[in-house]
C-alpha atoms as a PDB file:
ATOM      1  CA  UNK A   1     122.977 100.079 102.919  1.00  0.00           C
ATOM      2  CA  UNK A   2     122.878 103.402 104.755  1.00  0.00           C
ATOM      3  CA  UNK A   3     120.595 103.158 107.785  1.00  0.00           C
ATOM      4  CA  UNK A   4     118.602 106.290 106.821  1.00  0.00           C
ATOM      5  CA  UNK A   5     118.056 104.997 103.296  1.00  0.00           C
ATOM      6  CA  UNK A   6     116.971 101.609 104.695  1.00  0.00           C
ATOM      7  CA  UNK A   7     114.338 103.250 106.960  1.00  0.00           C
ATOM      8  CA  UNK A   8     113.087 105.422 104.078  1.00  0.00           C
ATOM      9  CA  UNK A   9     112.624 102.433 101.725  1.00  0.00           C
ATOM     10  CA  UNK A  10     110.898 100.375 104.463  1.00  0.00           C
ATOM     11  CA  UNK A  11     108.425 103.098 105.407  1.00  0.00           C
ATOM     12  CA  UNK A  12     107.666 104.285 101.904  1.00  0.00           C
ATOM     13  CA  UNK A  13     107.335 100.861 100.276  1.00  0.00           C
ATOM     14  CA  UNK A  14     108.504  97.626 101.990  1.00  0.00           C
ATOM     15  CA  UNK A  15     106.549  98.206 105.240  1.00  0.00           C
ATOM     16  CA  UNK A  16     104.253 101.048 104.200  1.00  0.00           C
ATOM     17  CA  UNK A  17     101.922 101.766 107.156  1.00  0.00           C
ATOM     18  CA  UNK A  18      98.777 101.845 104.952  1.00  0.00           C
ATOM     19  CA  UNK A  19      99.014  99.280 102.151  1.00  0.00           C
ATOM     20  CA  UNK A  20     101.317  96.730 103.874  1.00  0.00           C
ATOM     21  CA  UNK A  21     100.584  97.079 107.630  1.00  0.00           C
ATOM     22  CA  UNK A  22      97.029  98.393 107.024  1.00  0.00           C
ATOM     23  CA  UNK A  23      97.161 101.024 109.734  1.00  0.00           C
ATOM     24  CA  UNK A  24      95.523 104.405 109.892  1.00  0.00           C
ATOM     25  CA  UNK A  25      92.570 103.304 107.844  1.00  0.00           C
ATOM     26  CA  UNK A  26      90.017 105.534 109.709  1.00  0.00           C
ATOM     27  CA  UNK A  27      91.466 108.669 108.199  1.00  0.00           C
ATOM     28  CA  UNK A  28      91.342 107.148 104.747  1.00  0.00           C
ATOM     29  CA  UNK A  29      87.587 106.798 105.187  1.00  0.00           C
ATOM     30  CA  UNK A  30      87.100 110.178 106.831  1.00  0.00           C
ATOM     31  CA  UNK A  31      89.046 112.874 104.945  1.00  0.00           C
ATOM     32  CA  UNK A  32      90.042 111.605 101.489  1.00  0.00           C
ATOM     33  CA  UNK A  33      87.159 113.094  99.470  1.00  0.00           C
ATOM     34  CA  UNK A  34      88.977 116.465  99.356  1.00  0.00           C
ATOM     35  CA  UNK A  35      92.642 116.868  98.364  1.00  0.00           C
ATOM     36  CA  UNK A  36      93.276 120.038 100.349  1.00  0.00           C
ATOM     37  CA  UNK A  37      91.902 118.568 103.580  1.00  0.00           C
ATOM     38  CA  UNK A  38      93.798 115.313 102.962  1.00  0.00           C
ATOM     39  CA  UNK A  39      97.101 117.123 102.342  1.00  0.00           C
ATOM     40  CA  UNK A  40      96.789 119.196 105.478  1.00  0.00           C
ATOM     41  CA  UNK A  41      95.622 116.310 107.633  1.00  0.00           C
ATOM     42  CA  UNK A  42      98.505 114.075 106.451  1.00  0.00           C
ATOM     43  CA  UNK A  43     101.104 116.828 106.950  1.00  0.00           C
ATOM     44  CA  UNK A  44      99.786 117.157 110.475  1.00  0.00           C
ATOM     45  CA  UNK A  45      99.995 113.433 111.088  1.00  0.00           C
ATOM     46  CA  UNK A  46     103.551 113.329 109.641  1.00  0.00           C
ATOM     47  CA  UNK A  47     104.775 116.130 111.916  1.00  0.00           C
ATOM     48  CA  UNK A  48     103.103 114.538 114.946  1.00  0.00           C
ATOM     49  CA  UNK A  49     104.780 111.137 114.255  1.00  0.00           C
ATOM     50  CA  UNK A  50     108.197 112.708 113.666  1.00  0.00           C
ATOM     51  CA  UNK A  51     108.231 114.950 116.715  1.00  0.00           C
ATOM     52  CA  UNK A  52     106.598 112.281 118.949  1.00  0.00           C
ATOM     53  CA  UNK A  53     109.287 109.784 117.930  1.00  0.00           C
ATOM     54  CA  UNK A  54     112.000 112.382 118.552  1.00  0.00           C
ATOM     55  CA  UNK A  55     110.666 113.280 122.004  1.00  0.00           C
ATOM     56  CA  UNK A  56     109.999 109.769 123.149  1.00  0.00           C
ATOM     57  CA  UNK A  57     113.483 108.668 121.996  1.00  0.00           C
ATOM     58  CA  UNK A  58     115.066 111.465 124.095  1.00  0.00           C
ATOM     59  CA  UNK A  59     112.975 110.609 127.158  1.00  0.00           C
ATOM     60  CA  UNK A  60     113.003 106.808 126.896  1.00  0.00           C
ATOM     61  CA  UNK A  61     115.671 106.299 129.561  1.00  0.00           C
ATOM     62  CA  UNK A  62     113.663 108.485 132.000  1.00  0.00           C
ATOM     63  CA  UNK A  63     110.275 106.768 131.428  1.00  0.00           C
ATOM     64  CA  UNK A  64     109.426 103.927 133.872  1.00  0.00           C
ATOM     65  CA  UNK A  65     108.316 100.793 131.979  1.00  0.00           C
ATOM     66  CA  UNK A  66     104.952 100.614 133.845  1.00  0.00           C
ATOM     67  CA  UNK A  67     103.787 104.006 132.563  1.00  0.00           C
ATOM     68  CA  UNK A  68     105.536 103.910 129.152  1.00  0.00           C
ATOM     69  CA  UNK A  69     102.430 103.863 127.055  1.00  0.00           C
ATOM     70  CA  UNK A  70     100.675 106.586 129.081  1.00  0.00           C
ATOM     71  CA  UNK A  71     103.707 108.899 128.606  1.00  0.00           C
ATOM     72  CA  UNK A  72     103.713 108.125 124.887  1.00  0.00           C
ATOM     73  CA  UNK A  73     100.002 109.076 124.626  1.00  0.00           C
ATOM     74  CA  UNK A  74     100.735 112.259 126.571  1.00  0.00           C
ATOM     75  CA  UNK A  75     103.612 113.243 124.239  1.00  0.00           C
ATOM     76  CA  UNK A  76     101.463 112.449 121.154  1.00  0.00           C
ATOM     77  CA  UNK A  77      98.561 114.494 122.585  1.00  0.00           C
ATOM     78  CA  UNK A  78     100.816 117.472 123.145  1.00  0.00           C
ATOM     79  CA  UNK A  79     101.873 117.569 119.483  1.00  0.00           C
ATOM     80  CA  UNK A  80      98.266 117.008 118.278  1.00  0.00           C
ATOM     81  CA  UNK A  81      97.092 119.943 120.310  1.00  0.00           C
ATOM     82  CA  UNK A  82      99.834 122.138 118.723  1.00  0.00           C
ATOM     83  CA  UNK A  83      98.732 121.025 115.225  1.00  0.00           C
ATOM     84  CA  UNK A  84      95.064 121.703 116.137  1.00  0.00           C
ATOM     85  CA  UNK A  85      95.878 125.190 117.400  1.00  0.00           C
ATOM     86  CA  UNK A  86      97.980 125.942 114.314  1.00  0.00           C
ATOM     87  CA  UNK A  87      95.152 124.828 111.964  1.00  0.00           C
ATOM     88  CA  UNK A  88      92.573 126.924 113.835  1.00  0.00           C
ATOM     89  CA  UNK A  89      94.872 129.987 113.651  1.00  0.00           C
ATOM     90  CA  UNK A  90      96.042 129.779 110.042  1.00  0.00           C
ATOM     91  CA  UNK A  91      93.630 127.530 108.076  1.00  0.00           C
ATOM     92  CA  UNK A  92      90.359 127.874 110.016  1.00  0.00           C
ATOM     93  CA  UNK A  93      88.169 126.683 107.094  1.00  0.00           C
ATOM     94  CA  UNK A  94      90.124 123.432 106.859  1.00  0.00           C
ATOM     95  CA  UNK A  95      90.054 123.108 110.666  1.00  0.00           C
ATOM     96  CA  UNK A  96      86.244 123.400 110.579  1.00  0.00           C
ATOM     97  CA  UNK A  97      85.978 120.868 107.682  1.00  0.00           C
ATOM     98  CA  UNK A  98      88.179 118.333 109.490  1.00  0.00           C
ATOM     99  CA  UNK A  99      86.249 118.860 112.736  1.00  0.00           C
ATOM    100  CA  UNK A 100      86.976 116.135 115.334  1.00  0.00           C
ATOM    101  CA  UNK A 101      89.347 114.225 113.007  1.00  0.00           C
ATOM    102  CA  UNK A 102      92.290 116.356 114.017  1.00  0.00           C
ATOM    103  CA  UNK A 103      91.883 115.363 117.645  1.00  0.00           C
ATOM    104  CA  UNK A 104      91.543 111.749 116.587  1.00  0.00           C
ATOM    105  CA  UNK A 105      95.168 111.823 115.294  1.00  0.00           C
ATOM    106  CA  UNK A 106      95.960 110.853 118.900  1.00  0.00           C
ATOM    107  CA  UNK A 107      94.369 107.432 118.282  1.00  0.00           C
ATOM    108  CA  UNK A 108      96.147 106.856 114.992  1.00  0.00           C
ATOM    109  CA  UNK A 109      97.863 103.468 115.509  1.00  0.00           C
ATOM    110  CA  UNK A 110     100.747 104.382 113.157  1.00  0.00           C
ATOM    111  CA  UNK A 111     101.915 106.992 115.650  1.00  0.00           C
ATOM    112  CA  UNK A 112     101.730 104.726 118.677  1.00  0.00           C
ATOM    113  CA  UNK A 113     103.265 101.860 116.697  1.00  0.00           C
ATOM    114  CA  UNK A 114     106.321 103.892 115.618  1.00  0.00           C
ATOM    115  CA  UNK A 115     106.792 105.219 119.128  1.00  0.00           C
ATOM    116  CA  UNK A 116     106.703 101.743 120.648  1.00  0.00           C
ATOM    117  CA  UNK A 117     108.508  99.808 117.891  1.00  0.00           C
ATOM    118  CA  UNK A 118     111.173 102.315 116.849  1.00  0.00           C
ATOM    119  CA  UNK A 119     111.608 105.365 119.091  1.00  0.00           C
ATOM    120  CA  UNK A 120     111.902 103.207 122.229  1.00  0.00           C
ATOM    121  CA  UNK A 121     114.910 101.379 120.766  1.00  0.00           C
ATOM    122  CA  UNK A 122     116.763 104.016 118.701  1.00  0.00           C
ATOM    123  CA  UNK A 123     118.405 107.417 118.997  1.00  0.00           C
ATOM    124  CA  UNK A 124     116.515 110.678 118.561  1.00  0.00           C
ATOM    125  CA  UNK A 125     117.735 111.597 115.030  1.00  0.00           C
ATOM    126  CA  UNK A 126     116.962 108.291 113.390  1.00  0.00           C
ATOM    127  CA  UNK A 127     113.699 108.192 115.328  1.00  0.00           C
ATOM    128  CA  UNK A 128     112.711 111.546 113.911  1.00  0.00           C
ATOM    129  CA  UNK A 129     113.591 110.282 110.413  1.00  0.00           C
ATOM    130  CA  UNK A 130     111.573 107.097 110.919  1.00  0.00           C
ATOM    131  CA  UNK A 131     108.536 109.223 111.998  1.00  0.00           C
ATOM    132  CA  UNK A 132     108.936 111.569 109.051  1.00  0.00           C
ATOM    133  CA  UNK A 133     109.233 108.748 106.483  1.00  0.00           C
ATOM    134  CA  UNK A 134     106.365 106.804 108.076  1.00  0.00           C
ATOM    135  CA  UNK A 135     104.282 109.904 107.723  1.00  0.00           C
ATOM    136  CA  UNK A 136     105.326 110.355 104.088  1.00  0.00           C
ATOM    137  CA  UNK A 137     104.465 106.703 103.400  1.00  0.00           C
ATOM    138  CA  UNK A 138     100.989 107.329 104.905  1.00  0.00           C
ATOM    139  CA  UNK A 139     100.634 110.647 103.098  1.00  0.00           C
ATOM    140  CA  UNK A 140     101.250 109.683  99.525  1.00  0.00           C
ATOM    141  CA  UNK A 141      98.729 106.777  99.677  1.00  0.00           C
ATOM    142  CA  UNK A 142      96.011 108.989 101.072  1.00  0.00           C
ATOM    143  CA  UNK A 143      96.735 111.781  98.532  1.00  0.00           C
ATOM    144  CA  UNK A 144      96.455 109.345  95.648  1.00  0.00           C
ATOM    145  CA  UNK A 145      93.129 108.044  97.038  1.00  0.00           C
ATOM    146  CA  UNK A 146      91.910 111.614  97.555  1.00  0.00           C
ATOM    147  CA  UNK A 147      92.978 112.638  94.084  1.00  0.00           C
ATOM    148  CA  UNK A 148      90.714 110.082  92.377  1.00  0.00           C
ATOM    149  CA  UNK A 149      87.855 110.578  94.854  1.00  0.00           C
ATOM    150  CA  UNK A 150      87.775 114.373  94.344  1.00  0.00           C
ATOM    151  CA  UNK A 151      88.352 114.147  90.634  1.00  0.00           C
ATOM    152  CA  UNK A 152      85.500 111.658  90.038  1.00  0.00           C
ATOM    153  CA  UNK A 153      83.255 112.903  92.856  1.00  0.00           C
ATOM    154  CA  UNK A 154      83.428 116.631  92.164  1.00  0.00           C
ATOM    155  CA  UNK A 155      85.307 116.920  88.825  1.00  0.00           C
ATOM    156  CA  UNK A 156      87.909 119.056  90.618  1.00  0.00           C
ATOM    157  CA  UNK A 157      91.538 118.902  91.824  1.00  0.00           C
ATOM    158  CA  UNK A 158      92.322 121.085  94.888  1.00  0.00           C
ATOM    159  CA  UNK A 159      88.981 122.730  94.308  1.00  0.00           C
ATOM    160  CA  UNK A 160      89.686 123.743  90.658  1.00  0.00           C
ATOM    161  CA  UNK A 161      87.440 122.361  87.998  1.00  0.00           C
ATOM    162  CA  UNK A 162      89.361 120.131  85.599  1.00  0.00           C
ATOM    163  CA  UNK A 163      86.689 117.921  84.043  1.00  0.00           C
ATOM    164  CA  UNK A 164      84.202 119.208  81.501  1.00  0.00           C
ATOM    165  CA  UNK A 165      81.010 120.788  82.807  1.00  0.00           C
ATOM    166  CA  UNK A 166      78.952 117.998  81.233  1.00  0.00           C
ATOM    167  CA  UNK A 167      80.769 115.354  83.288  1.00  0.00           C
ATOM    168  CA  UNK A 168      78.376 113.603  85.569  1.00  0.00           C
ATOM    169  CA  UNK A 169      79.879 113.465  89.030  1.00  0.00           C
ATOM    170  CA  UNK A 170      80.092 110.074  90.652  1.00  0.00           C
ATOM    171  CA  UNK A 171      78.227 110.640  93.900  1.00  0.00           C
ATOM    172  CA  UNK A 172      79.510 107.349  95.326  1.00  0.00           C
ATOM    173  CA  UNK A 173      83.050 108.737  95.215  1.00  0.00           C
ATOM    174  CA  UNK A 174      82.318 111.419  97.823  1.00  0.00           C
ATOM    175  CA  UNK A 175      80.695 108.890 100.163  1.00  0.00           C
ATOM    176  CA  UNK A 176      82.748 107.028 102.794  1.00  0.00           C
ATOM    177  CA  UNK A 177      82.487 103.465 101.283  1.00  0.00           C
ATOM    178  CA  UNK A 178      84.329 104.623  98.148  1.00  0.00           C
ATOM    179  CA  UNK A 179      87.449 105.202 100.252  1.00  0.00           C
ATOM    180  CA  UNK A 180      87.589 101.469 101.029  1.00  0.00           C
ATOM    181  CA  UNK A 181      87.179 100.559  97.379  1.00  0.00           C
ATOM    182  CA  UNK A 182      89.897 103.047  96.306  1.00  0.00           C
ATOM    183  CA  UNK A 183      92.223 101.820  99.028  1.00  0.00           C
ATOM    184  CA  UNK A 184      91.579  98.170  98.064  1.00  0.00           C
ATOM    185  CA  UNK A 185      92.428  98.902  94.418  1.00  0.00           C
ATOM    186  CA  UNK A 186      95.624 100.698  95.559  1.00  0.00           C
ATOM    187  CA  UNK A 187      96.626  97.774  97.793  1.00  0.00           C
ATOM    188  CA  UNK A 188      95.961  95.331  94.925  1.00  0.00           C
ATOM    189  CA  UNK A 189      98.172  97.320  92.506  1.00  0.00           C
ATOM    190  CA  UNK A 190     100.956  97.777  95.111  1.00  0.00           C
ATOM    191  CA  UNK A 191     100.961  94.132  96.078  1.00  0.00           C
ATOM    192  CA  UNK A 192     101.145  93.151  92.394  1.00  0.00           C
ATOM    193  CA  UNK A 193     104.237  95.301  91.943  1.00  0.00           C
ATOM    194  CA  UNK A 194     105.768  93.850  95.104  1.00  0.00           C
ATOM    195  CA  UNK A 195     105.204  90.336  93.904  1.00  0.00           C
ATOM    196  CA  UNK A 196     106.848  91.151  90.593  1.00  0.00           C
ATOM    197  CA  UNK A 197     109.828  92.598  92.432  1.00  0.00           C
ATOM    198  CA  UNK A 198     110.132  89.499  94.616  1.00  0.00           C
ATOM    199  CA  UNK A 199     109.959  87.140  91.668  1.00  0.00           C
ATOM    200  CA  UNK A 200     112.896  88.810  89.866  1.00  0.00           C
END
């Protein structure tokens, strides 16, 4: 199988960072009650993973082993700051809504995990692809969770009312605990599909 296709399938499905490796759960709890915020946050995370992987892969031969993780955090921080500045400049309302969560992208273990497990051992181009597909694997899970939380919690999709006015909003869906329930349901469904695939 083509290496790029193999990495794509692994990160999107086989070793999905959220429902298989169960990483990046804090952002699932924090931002997924609003689709717009979730989309922008996950795009930011995806770009940070991709460019961090790319940069670390290029620099890996120059980084002493003893300070490897510190340099990785420095590189990741650099790209998170760029994302934060971009959000403040072009989508200030979303930047305010996300608040400190943009800065906390630095602590997202998916980014550090891909830098350490993949970028350190592979060339820059495939490392960029790994980061991009890891981010997409993270993104689509959070968007699905956010879709149902916003729909049932506010009766809207991307802020547009889609449910009837007499629909009673489920207050629990806009509260943080609902993110765990929605994610648990998603993991249950995904694992069921994976078991069916493996049994064939």
